[in-house]
C-alpha atoms as a PDB file:
ATOM      1  CA  MET A   1     -57.701 -19.567  -2.439  1.00  0.00           C
ATOM      2  CA  SER A   2     -56.701 -22.298  -0.846  1.00  0.00           C
ATOM      3  CA  VAL A   3     -53.494 -24.765  -2.002  1.00  0.00           C
ATOM      4  CA  THR A   4     -52.236 -27.927  -2.175  1.00  0.00           C
ATOM      5  CA  THR A   5     -48.827 -29.578  -3.506  1.00  0.00           C
ATOM      6  CA  ILE A   6     -48.084 -32.580  -4.357  1.00  0.00           C
ATOM      7  CA  THR A   7     -45.097 -34.516  -4.172  1.00  0.00           C
ATOM      8  CA  PRO A   8     -44.181 -37.960  -5.835  1.00  0.00           C
ATOM      9  CA  VAL A   9     -41.557 -39.628  -4.462  1.00  0.00           C
ATOM     10  CA  LYS A  10     -39.848 -43.297  -4.919  1.00  0.00           C
ATOM     11  CA  ASN A  11     -36.693 -43.846  -2.654  1.00  0.00           C
ATOM     12  CA  GLY A  12     -36.454 -39.939  -1.771  1.00  0.00           C
ATOM     13  CA  ALA A  13     -35.369 -40.464   2.049  1.00  0.00           C
ATOM     14  CA  ALA A  14     -32.482 -37.735   1.391  1.00  0.00           C
ATOM     15  CA  TYR A  15     -34.613 -35.511   0.519  1.00  0.00           C
ATOM     16  CA  ILE A  16     -37.866 -35.477   1.079  1.00  0.00           C
ATOM     17  CA  ALA A  17     -38.387 -34.103   4.853  1.00  0.00           C
ATOM     18  CA  GLU A  18     -36.617 -30.888   3.689  1.00  0.00           C
ATOM     19  CA  ALA A  19     -39.224 -30.348   0.319  1.00  0.00           C
ATOM     20  CA  ILE A  20     -41.975 -31.155   3.163  1.00  0.00           C
ATOM     21  CA  GLU A  21     -40.904 -28.557   5.333  1.00  0.00           C
ATOM     22  CA  SER A  22     -40.579 -26.133   2.728  1.00  0.00           C
ATOM     23  CA  ALA A  23     -44.187 -26.400   1.756  1.00  0.00           C
ATOM     24  CA  ARG A  24     -45.111 -26.513   5.534  1.00  0.00           C
ATOM     25  CA  ALA A  25     -43.492 -23.028   5.882  1.00  0.00           C
ATOM     26  CA  GLN A  26     -45.830 -21.444   3.000  1.00  0.00           C
ATOM     27  CA  PRO A  27     -49.278 -19.949   5.001  1.00  0.00           C
ATOM     28  CA  GLU A  28     -50.896 -20.152   2.207  1.00  0.00           C
ATOM     29  CA  VAL A  29     -50.976 -24.088   1.778  1.00  0.00           C
ATOM     30  CA  GLY A  30     -53.590 -26.162   3.403  1.00  0.00           C
ATOM     31  CA  GLU A  31     -52.778 -29.548   1.841  1.00  0.00           C
ATOM     32  CA  ILE A  32     -49.538 -31.177   1.630  1.00  0.00           C
ATOM     33  CA  LEU A  33     -49.832 -34.459  -0.633  1.00  0.00           C
ATOM     34  CA  VAL A  34     -47.003 -36.860  -0.782  1.00  0.00           C
ATOM     35  CA  ILE A  35     -47.138 -39.866  -2.954  1.00  0.00           C
ATOM     36  CA  ASP A  36     -44.966 -42.941  -2.585  1.00  0.00           C
ATOM     37  CA  ASP A  37     -44.477 -44.961  -5.969  1.00  0.00           C
ATOM     38  CA  GLY A  38     -42.885 -47.840  -4.122  1.00  0.00           C
ATOM     39  CA  SER A  39     -40.090 -46.673  -2.189  1.00  0.00           C
ATOM     40  CA  THR A  40     -38.149 -48.973  -0.205  1.00  0.00           C
ATOM     41  CA  ASP A  41     -35.815 -46.930   1.341  1.00  0.00           C
ATOM     42  CA  GLY A  42     -37.537 -45.244   4.256  1.00  0.00           C
ATOM     43  CA  THR A  43     -39.488 -42.556   2.673  1.00  0.00           C
ATOM     44  CA  GLN A  44     -42.546 -43.592   3.961  1.00  0.00           C
ATOM     45  CA  THR A  45     -41.500 -43.456   7.459  1.00  0.00           C
ATOM     46  CA  ILE A  46     -40.107 -40.047   7.595  1.00  0.00           C
ATOM     47  CA  VAL A  47     -43.159 -38.877   5.955  1.00  0.00           C
ATOM     48  CA  ARG A  48     -45.783 -40.489   8.519  1.00  0.00           C
ATOM     49  CA  ARG A  49     -43.115 -38.917  11.454  1.00  0.00           C
ATOM     50  CA  PHE A  50     -44.726 -35.110  10.553  1.00  0.00           C
ATOM     51  CA  ALA A  51     -47.265 -34.727  12.946  1.00  0.00           C
ATOM     52  CA  ASP A  52     -48.629 -31.684  10.878  1.00  0.00           C
ATOM     53  CA  PRO A  53     -52.689 -32.298  10.232  1.00  0.00           C
ATOM     54  CA  ARG A  54     -51.780 -30.666   6.209  1.00  0.00           C
ATOM     55  CA  VAL A  55     -49.406 -33.372   5.612  1.00  0.00           C
ATOM     56  CA  ARG A  56     -50.805 -36.619   4.194  1.00  0.00           C
ATOM     57  CA  LEU A  57     -48.934 -39.968   2.468  1.00  0.00           C
ATOM     58  CA  LEU A  58     -51.117 -41.573   0.076  1.00  0.00           C
ATOM     59  CA  ALA A  59     -49.826 -44.623  -2.254  1.00  0.00           C
ATOM     60  CA  ASN A  60     -49.436 -44.900  -5.585  1.00  0.00           C
ATOM     61  CA  ALA A  61     -48.910 -48.102  -7.180  1.00  0.00           C
ATOM     62  CA  ALA A  62     -45.223 -47.705  -8.455  1.00  0.00           C
ATOM     63  CA  THR A  63     -46.708 -46.804 -11.825  1.00  0.00           C
ATOM     64  CA  GLY A  64     -44.287 -44.038 -12.101  1.00  0.00           C
ATOM     65  CA  VAL A  65     -44.030 -40.052 -11.596  1.00  0.00           C
ATOM     66  CA  SER A  66     -46.818 -38.875 -13.739  1.00  0.00           C
ATOM     67  CA  ALA A  67     -49.226 -41.430 -12.357  1.00  0.00           C
ATOM     68  CA  ALA A  68     -48.195 -40.363  -9.118  1.00  0.00           C
ATOM     69  CA  ARG A  69     -48.828 -36.943  -9.710  1.00  0.00           C
ATOM     70  CA  ASN A  70     -52.320 -37.688 -11.265  1.00  0.00           C
ATOM     71  CA  THR A  71     -52.754 -39.695  -8.134  1.00  0.00           C
ATOM     72  CA  GLY A  72     -52.593 -36.439  -5.628  1.00  0.00           C
ATOM     73  CA  ALA A  73     -54.153 -34.363  -8.091  1.00  0.00           C
ATOM     74  CA  ARG A  74     -57.858 -36.638  -7.730  1.00  0.00           C
ATOM     75  CA  ALA A  75     -57.360 -36.683  -4.064  1.00  0.00           C
ATOM     76  CA  ALA A  76     -56.377 -32.978  -3.691  1.00  0.00           C
ATOM     77  CA  THR A  77     -59.168 -30.257  -2.004  1.00  0.00           C
ATOM     78  CA  GLY A  78     -57.332 -27.165  -2.723  1.00  0.00           C
ATOM     79  CA  ASP A  79     -58.147 -24.860  -5.424  1.00  0.00           C
ATOM     80  CA  TRP A  80     -54.602 -24.593  -7.158  1.00  0.00           C
ATOM     81  CA  LEU A  81     -51.803 -27.052  -7.380  1.00  0.00           C
ATOM     82  CA  VAL A  82     -48.479 -26.922  -7.115  1.00  0.00           C
ATOM     83  CA  PHE A  83     -46.281 -29.796  -8.172  1.00  0.00           C
ATOM     84  CA  LEU A  84     -43.118 -30.101  -5.948  1.00  0.00           C
ATOM     85  CA  ASP A  85     -40.792 -32.497  -6.510  1.00  0.00           C
ATOM     86  CA  ALA A  86     -39.442 -34.776  -3.672  1.00  0.00           C
ATOM     87  CA  ASP A  87     -35.746 -33.128  -3.922  1.00  0.00           C
ATOM     88  CA  ASP A  88     -36.541 -29.840  -4.431  1.00  0.00           C
ATOM     89  CA  ARG A  89     -37.449 -26.835  -1.574  1.00  0.00           C
ATOM     90  CA  LEU A  90     -40.223 -23.582  -2.113  1.00  0.00           C
ATOM     91  CA  ARG A  91     -38.398 -20.567  -0.966  1.00  0.00           C
ATOM     92  CA  PRO A  92     -39.917 -18.847   1.795  1.00  0.00           C
ATOM     93  CA  GLY A  93     -43.421 -16.620   0.121  1.00  0.00           C
ATOM     94  CA  ALA A  94     -43.053 -18.100  -2.919  1.00  0.00           C
ATOM     95  CA  VAL A  95     -46.797 -19.328  -2.951  1.00  0.00           C
ATOM     96  CA  ALA A  96     -47.630 -15.579  -1.621  1.00  0.00           C
ATOM     97  CA  ALA A  97     -45.985 -14.179  -4.491  1.00  0.00           C
ATOM     98  CA  LEU A  98     -47.599 -16.241  -7.200  1.00  0.00           C
ATOM     99  CA  LEU A  99     -51.173 -15.950  -5.884  1.00  0.00           C
ATOM    100  CA  ALA A 100     -50.925 -12.293  -5.780  1.00  0.00           C
ATOM    101  CA  VAL A 101     -49.917 -12.408  -9.275  1.00  0.00           C
ATOM    102  CA  ALA A 102     -53.216 -14.717 -10.172  1.00  0.00           C
ATOM    103  CA  GLY A 103     -55.342 -11.979  -7.756  1.00  0.00           C
ATOM    104  CA  THR A 104     -54.564  -9.341 -10.483  1.00  0.00           C
ATOM    105  CA  ALA A 105     -55.444 -12.173 -13.437  1.00  0.00           C
ATOM    106  CA  VAL A 106     -58.692 -13.551 -12.717  1.00  0.00           C
ATOM    107  CA  GLU A 107     -58.741 -15.416 -16.152  1.00  0.00           C
ATOM    108  CA  ALA A 108     -55.367 -17.011 -15.597  1.00  0.00           C
ATOM    109  CA  ILE A 109     -55.338 -20.819 -15.181  1.00  0.00           C
ATOM    110  CA  ALA A 110     -51.820 -21.071 -13.997  1.00  0.00           C
ATOM    111  CA  VAL A 111     -48.751 -18.723 -12.766  1.00  0.00           C
ATOM    112  CA  TYR A 112     -45.356 -19.734 -12.793  1.00  0.00           C
ATOM    113  CA  GLY A 113     -42.267 -17.724 -11.610  1.00  0.00           C
ATOM    114  CA  ASP A 114     -38.439 -18.872 -11.465  1.00  0.00           C
ATOM    115  CA  TYR A 115     -35.925 -20.864  -9.613  1.00  0.00           C
ATOM    116  CA  ASN A 116     -32.059 -21.461  -8.570  1.00  0.00           C
ATOM    117  CA  ARG A 117     -29.966 -24.192  -8.666  1.00  0.00           C
ATOM    118  CA  ILE A 118     -28.328 -25.580  -5.617  1.00  0.00           C
ATOM    119  CA  ASP A 119     -26.141 -28.699  -5.204  1.00  0.00           C
ATOM    120  CA  ARG A 120     -26.891 -32.010  -3.377  1.00  0.00           C
ATOM    121  CA  ASP A 121     -26.172 -30.187  -0.508  1.00  0.00           C
ATOM    122  CA  GLY A 122     -28.535 -27.229  -0.614  1.00  0.00           C
ATOM    123  CA  ARG A 123     -25.693 -24.661  -2.067  1.00  0.00           C
ATOM    124  CA  ALA A 124     -26.450 -21.993  -4.584  1.00  0.00           C
ATOM    125  CA  ILE A 125     -24.474 -22.820  -7.828  1.00  0.00           C
ATOM    126  CA  GLY A 126     -24.936 -21.088 -11.156  1.00  0.00           C
ATOM    127  CA  VAL A 127     -25.268 -17.367 -11.520  1.00  0.00           C
ATOM    128  CA  ARG A 128     -28.963 -17.651 -12.863  1.00  0.00           C
ATOM    129  CA  GLY A 129     -29.548 -15.172 -10.731  1.00  0.00           C
ATOM    130  CA  ALA A 130     -28.205 -12.539 -12.752  1.00  0.00           C
ATOM    131  CA  PHE A 131     -30.441 -13.330 -15.604  1.00  0.00           C
ATOM    132  CA  ARG A 132     -33.569 -12.800 -13.588  1.00  0.00           C
ATOM    133  CA  ALA A 133     -34.423 -10.000 -15.347  1.00  0.00           C
ATOM    134  CA  ARG A 134     -34.825 -11.325 -18.877  1.00  0.00           C
ATOM    135  CA  ALA A 135     -39.093 -11.262 -19.744  1.00  0.00           C
ATOM    136  CA  LYS A 136     -40.756 -14.752 -20.152  1.00  0.00           C
ATOM    137  CA  PRO A 137     -43.702 -15.144 -21.882  1.00  0.00           C
ATOM    138  CA  SER A 138     -46.658 -14.181 -20.452  1.00  0.00           C
ATOM    139  CA  GLY A 139     -50.662 -14.504 -21.190  1.00  0.00           C
ATOM    140  CA  ARG A 140     -51.676 -16.593 -24.365  1.00  0.00           C
ATOM    141  CA  ILE A 141     -48.078 -18.509 -24.331  1.00  0.00           C
ATOM    142  CA  LEU A 142     -49.028 -21.872 -26.017  1.00  0.00           C
ATOM    143  CA  GLU A 143     -47.294 -20.927 -29.981  1.00  0.00           C
ATOM    144  CA  ARG A 144     -43.872 -19.912 -27.737  1.00  0.00           C
ATOM    145  CA  LEU A 145     -44.101 -23.039 -25.291  1.00  0.00           C
ATOM    146  CA  ALA A 146     -44.777 -25.556 -28.082  1.00  0.00           C
ATOM    147  CA  THR A 147     -41.495 -24.622 -29.041  1.00  0.00           C
ATOM    148  CA  GLY A 148     -39.364 -25.373 -25.741  1.00  0.00           C
ATOM    149  CA  ASN A 149     -40.047 -26.002 -21.856  1.00  0.00           C
ATOM    150  CA  PHE A 150     -39.284 -22.485 -20.498  1.00  0.00           C
ATOM    151  CA  ILE A 151     -41.348 -23.079 -17.763  1.00  0.00           C
ATOM    152  CA  VAL A 152     -39.521 -26.755 -16.979  1.00  0.00           C
ATOM    153  CA  ASN A 153     -40.462 -27.347 -13.245  1.00  0.00           C
ATOM    154  CA  GLY A 154     -43.830 -27.523 -11.303  1.00  0.00           C
ATOM    155  CA  GLY A 155     -42.874 -26.553  -8.233  1.00  0.00           C
ATOM    156  CA  VAL A 156     -42.757 -23.093 -10.011  1.00  0.00           C
ATOM    157  CA  MET A 157     -46.154 -22.556 -10.448  1.00  0.00           C
ATOM    158  CA  ILE A 158     -49.452 -22.647  -9.384  1.00  0.00           C
ATOM    159  CA  VAL A 159     -52.310 -23.938 -11.417  1.00  0.00           C
ATOM    160  CA  ARG A 160     -56.054 -24.109 -11.302  1.00  0.00           C
ATOM    161  CA  ALA A 161     -57.851 -27.379  -9.913  1.00  0.00           C
ATOM    162  CA  ALA A 162     -60.370 -27.327 -12.177  1.00  0.00           C
ATOM    163  CA  ALA A 163     -57.730 -26.793 -15.564  1.00  0.00           C
ATOM    164  CA  PHE A 164     -55.872 -29.568 -14.527  1.00  0.00           C
ATOM    165  CA  THR A 165     -58.579 -31.870 -14.363  1.00  0.00           C
ATOM    166  CA  LYS A 166     -59.786 -30.028 -17.779  1.00  0.00           C
ATOM    167  CA  SER A 167     -56.151 -30.494 -19.614  1.00  0.00           C
ATOM    168  CA  GLY A 168     -56.562 -34.343 -18.423  1.00  0.00           C
ATOM    169  CA  GLY A 169     -53.496 -34.182 -16.492  1.00  0.00           C
ATOM    170  CA  PHE A 170     -50.222 -36.060 -17.052  1.00  0.00           C
ATOM    171  CA  ASP A 171     -49.581 -38.501 -19.793  1.00  0.00           C
ATOM    172  CA  GLU A 172     -48.647 -41.962 -18.268  1.00  0.00           C
ATOM    173  CA  THR A 173     -47.228 -43.201 -20.749  1.00  0.00           C
ATOM    174  CA  LEU A 174     -44.363 -40.599 -21.145  1.00  0.00           C
ATOM    175  CA  ARG A 175     -41.102 -41.036 -19.405  1.00  0.00           C
ATOM    176  CA  LEU A 176     -39.684 -37.619 -19.794  1.00  0.00           C
ATOM    177  CA  CYS A 177     -40.599 -34.606 -20.483  1.00  0.00           C
ATOM    178  CA  GLU A 178     -44.235 -35.320 -19.610  1.00  0.00           C
ATOM    179  CA  ASP A 179     -44.578 -31.692 -17.562  1.00  0.00           C
ATOM    180  CA  TRP A 180     -43.748 -30.118 -20.989  1.00  0.00           C
ATOM    181  CA  HIS A 181     -47.018 -31.902 -22.439  1.00  0.00           C
ATOM    182  CA  CYS A 182     -49.102 -31.129 -19.745  1.00  0.00           C
ATOM    183  CA  TRP A 183     -47.931 -27.335 -19.647  1.00  0.00           C
ATOM    184  CA  CYS A 184     -48.742 -27.094 -23.438  1.00  0.00           C
ATOM    185  CA  LYS A 185     -52.253 -28.842 -23.069  1.00  0.00           C
ATOM    186  CA  LEU A 186     -53.018 -25.741 -19.666  1.00  0.00           C
ATOM    187  CA  ALA A 187     -51.720 -23.556 -21.982  1.00  0.00           C
ATOM    188  CA  ALA A 188     -54.050 -24.545 -24.856  1.00  0.00           C
ATOM    189  CA  LEU A 189     -57.405 -23.559 -22.572  1.00  0.00           C
ATOM    190  CA  GLY A 190     -56.280 -20.032 -21.220  1.00  0.00           C
ATOM    191  CA  ASP A 191     -53.885 -17.473 -19.667  1.00  0.00           C
ATOM    192  CA  ILE A 192     -50.581 -18.604 -18.239  1.00  0.00           C
ATOM    193  CA  ARG A 193     -49.175 -15.631 -16.222  1.00  0.00           C
ATOM    194  CA  TYR A 194     -45.271 -15.041 -15.460  1.00  0.00           C
ATOM    195  CA  ALA A 195     -44.253 -13.901 -11.856  1.00  0.00           C
ATOM    196  CA  GLY A 196     -40.821 -12.608 -11.946  1.00  0.00           C
ATOM    197  CA  VAL A 197     -39.616 -14.037  -8.734  1.00  0.00           C
ATOM    198  CA  HIS A 198     -37.628 -16.558  -7.283  1.00  0.00           C
ATOM    199  CA  VAL A 199     -40.112 -19.163  -5.797  1.00  0.00           C
ATOM    200  CA  LEU A 200     -37.953 -22.690  -6.099  1.00  0.00           C
ATOM    201  CA  ASP A 201     -34.636 -24.081  -5.418  1.00  0.00           C
ATOM    202  CA  TYR A 202     -34.171 -27.022  -8.264  1.00  0.00           C
ATOM    203  CA  ARG A 203     -32.038 -29.515  -6.805  1.00  0.00           C
ATOM    204  CA  VAL A 204     -29.095 -30.489  -9.338  1.00  0.00           C
ATOM    205  CA  HIS A 205     -27.445 -33.959  -8.652  1.00  0.00           C
ATOM    206  CA  GLU A 206     -26.710 -37.316 -10.601  1.00  0.00           C
ATOM    207  CA  ALA A 207     -29.865 -38.885  -8.897  1.00  0.00           C
ATOM    208  CA  ASN A 208     -32.073 -36.572 -11.323  1.00  0.00           C
ATOM    209  CA  THR A 209     -34.554 -38.111 -13.421  1.00  0.00           C
ATOM    210  CA  MET A 210     -33.567 -35.877 -16.340  1.00  0.00           C
ATOM    211  CA  THR A 211     -29.420 -35.993 -15.667  1.00  0.00           C
ATOM    212  CA  PRO A 212     -27.210 -37.159 -19.152  1.00  0.00           C
ATOM    213  CA  THR A 213     -25.389 -39.997 -17.406  1.00  0.00           C
ATOM    214  CA  THR A 214     -28.143 -42.377 -18.778  1.00  0.00           C
ATOM    215  CA  ARG A 215     -30.457 -39.761 -21.174  1.00  0.00           C
ATOM    216  CA  SER A 216     -29.761 -38.501 -24.475  1.00  0.00           C
ATOM    217  CA  PRO A 217     -32.198 -36.457 -27.168  1.00  0.00           C
ATOM    218  CA  ALA A 218     -33.458 -40.006 -27.973  1.00  0.00           C
ATOM    219  CA  ASP A 219     -34.945 -39.994 -24.677  1.00  0.00           C
ATOM    220  CA  TYR A 220     -36.553 -36.223 -24.753  1.00  0.00           C
ATOM    221  CA  LEU A 221     -38.056 -36.219 -28.465  1.00  0.00           C
ATOM    222  CA  PRO A 222     -41.245 -38.586 -28.034  1.00  0.00           C
ATOM    223  CA  ALA A 223     -42.268 -36.281 -25.917  1.00  0.00           C
ATOM    224  CA  ALA A 224     -42.237 -33.677 -29.270  1.00  0.00           C
ATOM    225  CA  ALA A 225     -44.242 -36.252 -31.033  1.00  0.00           C
ATOM    226  CA  ARG A 226     -47.156 -36.048 -28.759  1.00  0.00           C
ATOM    227  CA  VAL A 227     -47.133 -32.405 -27.966  1.00  0.00           C
ATOM    228  CA  PHE A 228     -47.595 -32.207 -31.807  1.00  0.00           C
ATOM    229  CA  ALA A 229     -50.230 -35.090 -31.665  1.00  0.00           C
ATOM    230  CA  ASP A 230     -52.543 -33.861 -29.383  1.00  0.00           C
ATOM    231  CA  PRO A 231     -55.483 -32.381 -30.470  1.00  0.00           C
ATOM    232  CA  GLY A 232     -55.996 -29.742 -28.199  1.00  0.00           C
ATOM    233  CA  VAL A 233     -52.541 -28.355 -28.646  1.00  0.00           C
ATOM    234  CA  VAL A 234     -52.576 -28.309 -31.854  1.00  0.00           C
ATOM    235  CA  ALA A 235     -55.784 -26.970 -32.579  1.00  0.00           C
ATOM    236  CA  GLY A 236     -54.424 -23.823 -30.554  1.00  0.00           C
ATOM    237  CA  LEU A 237     -51.317 -23.350 -33.088  1.00  0.00           C
ATOM    238  CA  PRO A 238     -51.760 -21.684 -36.615  1.00  0.00           C
ATOM    239  CA  ALA A 239     -51.659 -24.760 -38.587  1.00  0.00           C
ATOM    240  CA  ASP A 240     -49.263 -23.318 -41.162  1.00  0.00           C
ATOM    241  CA  ARG A 241     -46.592 -22.812 -39.027  1.00  0.00           C
ATOM    242  CA  LEU A 242     -46.719 -26.597 -37.300  1.00  0.00           C
ATOM    243  CA  PRO A 243     -43.898 -27.990 -39.408  1.00  0.00           C
ATOM    244  CA  GLU A 244     -41.451 -24.778 -38.346  1.00  0.00           C
ATOM    245  CA  LEU A 245     -42.657 -24.991 -34.459  1.00  0.00           C
ATOM    246  CA  ARG A 246     -42.027 -28.963 -34.322  1.00  0.00           C
ATOM    247  CA  SER A 247     -38.774 -28.362 -35.369  1.00  0.00           C
ATOM    248  CA  ALA A 248     -38.046 -25.550 -33.393  1.00  0.00           C
ATOM    249  CA  ALA A 249     -39.142 -28.109 -30.319  1.00  0.00           C
ATOM    250  CA  GLU A 250     -36.937 -30.693 -31.734  1.00  0.00           C
ATOM    251  CA  THR A 251     -33.471 -28.135 -31.777  1.00  0.00           C
ATOM    252  CA  HIS A 252     -34.755 -27.482 -28.053  1.00  0.00           C
ATOM    253  CA  LEU A 253     -34.609 -30.560 -27.061  1.00  0.00           C
ATOM    254  CA  TRP A 254     -31.060 -31.062 -28.450  1.00  0.00           C
ATOM    255  CA  THR A 255     -29.400 -28.036 -27.074  1.00  0.00           C
ATOM    256  CA  TYR A 256     -31.536 -28.990 -23.964  1.00  0.00           C
ATOM    257  CA  ALA A 257     -29.216 -32.231 -24.065  1.00  0.00           C
ATOM    258  CA  ALA A 258     -26.518 -30.284 -24.896  1.00  0.00           C
ATOM    259  CA  THR A 259     -26.458 -28.374 -21.822  1.00  0.00           C
ATOM    260  CA  GLN A 260     -27.470 -30.867 -19.250  1.00  0.00           C
ATOM    261  CA  ALA A 261     -23.854 -32.559 -19.994  1.00  0.00           C
ATOM    262  CA  ILE A 262     -22.153 -29.304 -19.793  1.00  0.00           C
ATOM    263  CA  ARG A 263     -23.191 -28.930 -16.344  1.00  0.00           C
ATOM    264  CA  PHE A 264     -22.038 -32.925 -15.704  1.00  0.00           C
ATOM    265  CA  HIS A 265     -18.715 -31.851 -17.201  1.00  0.00           C
ATOM    266  CA  ARG A 266     -19.681 -34.289 -20.347  1.00  0.00           C
ATOM    267  CA  TYR A 267     -18.219 -32.196 -23.075  1.00  0.00           C
ATOM    268  CA  GLY A 268     -17.813 -34.689 -25.842  1.00  0.00           C
ATOM    269  CA  ARG A 269     -21.223 -35.380 -25.860  1.00  0.00           C
ATOM    270  CA  ALA A 270     -22.161 -31.901 -25.104  1.00  0.00           C
ATOM    271  CA  LEU A 271     -20.163 -30.988 -28.677  1.00  0.00           C
ATOM    272  CA  SER A 272     -22.286 -33.987 -30.266  1.00  0.00           C
ATOM    273  CA  TYR A 273     -25.505 -32.766 -29.705  1.00  0.00           C
ATOM    274  CA  VAL A 274     -24.964 -29.226 -30.454  1.00  0.00           C
ATOM    275  CA  ALA A 275     -23.709 -30.440 -33.848  1.00  0.00           C
ATOM    276  CA  GLN A 276     -27.194 -32.315 -34.426  1.00  0.00           C
ATOM    277  CA  ALA A 277     -29.005 -29.302 -33.020  1.00  0.00           C
ATOM    278  CA  LEU A 278     -27.351 -27.176 -35.222  1.00  0.00           C
ATOM    279  CA  ALA A 279     -27.341 -29.644 -38.485  1.00  0.00           C
ATOM    280  CA  ARG A 280     -31.249 -29.626 -38.176  1.00  0.00           C
ATOM    281  CA  SER A 281     -31.761 -25.982 -37.614  1.00  0.00           C
ATOM    282  CA  PRO A 282     -28.621 -24.129 -39.043  1.00  0.00           C
ATOM    283  CA  ARG A 283     -31.410 -20.807 -38.825  1.00  0.00           C
ATOM    284  CA  ALA A 284     -31.058 -21.487 -34.897  1.00  0.00           C
ATOM    285  CA  THR A 285     -27.066 -21.026 -34.585  1.00  0.00           C
ATOM    286  CA  PRO A 286     -27.090 -18.310 -32.605  1.00  0.00           C
ATOM    287  CA  ARG A 287     -30.092 -19.124 -29.851  1.00  0.00           C
ATOM    288  CA  VAL A 288     -28.461 -22.267 -29.803  1.00  0.00           C
ATOM    289  CA  MET A 289     -24.943 -20.884 -28.964  1.00  0.00           C
ATOM    290  CA  LEU A 290     -26.278 -18.524 -26.529  1.00  0.00           C
ATOM    291  CA  ARG A 291     -28.311 -21.181 -24.658  1.00  0.00           C
ATOM    292  CA  ILE A 292     -24.764 -23.308 -24.274  1.00  0.00           C
ATOM    293  CA  GLY A 293     -22.887 -20.094 -23.533  1.00  0.00           C
ATOM    294  CA  ILE A 294     -25.077 -19.738 -20.507  1.00  0.00           C
ATOM    295  CA  ALA A 295     -24.765 -23.548 -19.887  1.00  0.00           C
ATOM    296  CA  LEU A 296     -21.101 -22.372 -19.375  1.00  0.00           C
ATOM    297  CA  LEU A 297     -21.307 -19.558 -17.163  1.00  0.00           C
ATOM    298  CA  GLY A 298     -23.118 -22.145 -14.841  1.00  0.00           C
ATOM    299  CA  ALA A 299     -27.297 -20.367 -15.108  1.00  0.00           C
END
């Protein structure tokens, strides 16, 4: 089973070499595609320095991360795809661990693992590892996934290339949470299995697309509208529960915004978002407060 990593990048000179090296360290990866989306900071020069024939630099017309990922997927030759962000890094043995689960679940169209957070200098932060034993959904996960993105990041997952193509790929009109929408489309097609192993170091820094310095729930909510307007996704959900599931998804996004604000010490903003989440869904109070508590612990 051949694997292609796909890394979109724009002005990622600070971290792109580390991301590529982490992919090169995976023996199962036969192709490392870096899709440059109009960098002006020397990113292309760094990528071209790699003599490894597996590393290929492609150009995207500065049309965004979703378009860059789709460009990479069209060019990929692997049976499986990994969407690795330019500031993250795969853990040693990550791809082998995911493929091992795929080999025992031949019907699975994707397998996802877990991650730990690192800071801008690559140091581990938070206590997420302490929660590794908790179960995550596995199999037909669409109904659960439609209420919130627990997969989180494409770097924790291998996806069958054929299934990704069938799903239609990433929606290039969505600015944020486009990955959640894509994972829902995949989940509507078949089984997605969980491998409870640490496969990715997810870098948290203030240049992240999803940081709360400039983001608010209003930026994330269009993705919920898109998920619940997608015919393929909706067809896989119980019709009588659609309003309930959408409400849960929107509450999840308000809570997510609060947890991100906490991680960057913007507590007033976090409190406002929590209040909005609870006002929309009082029944979700235990779940919302659990997530806030976990964020305060640094997980």
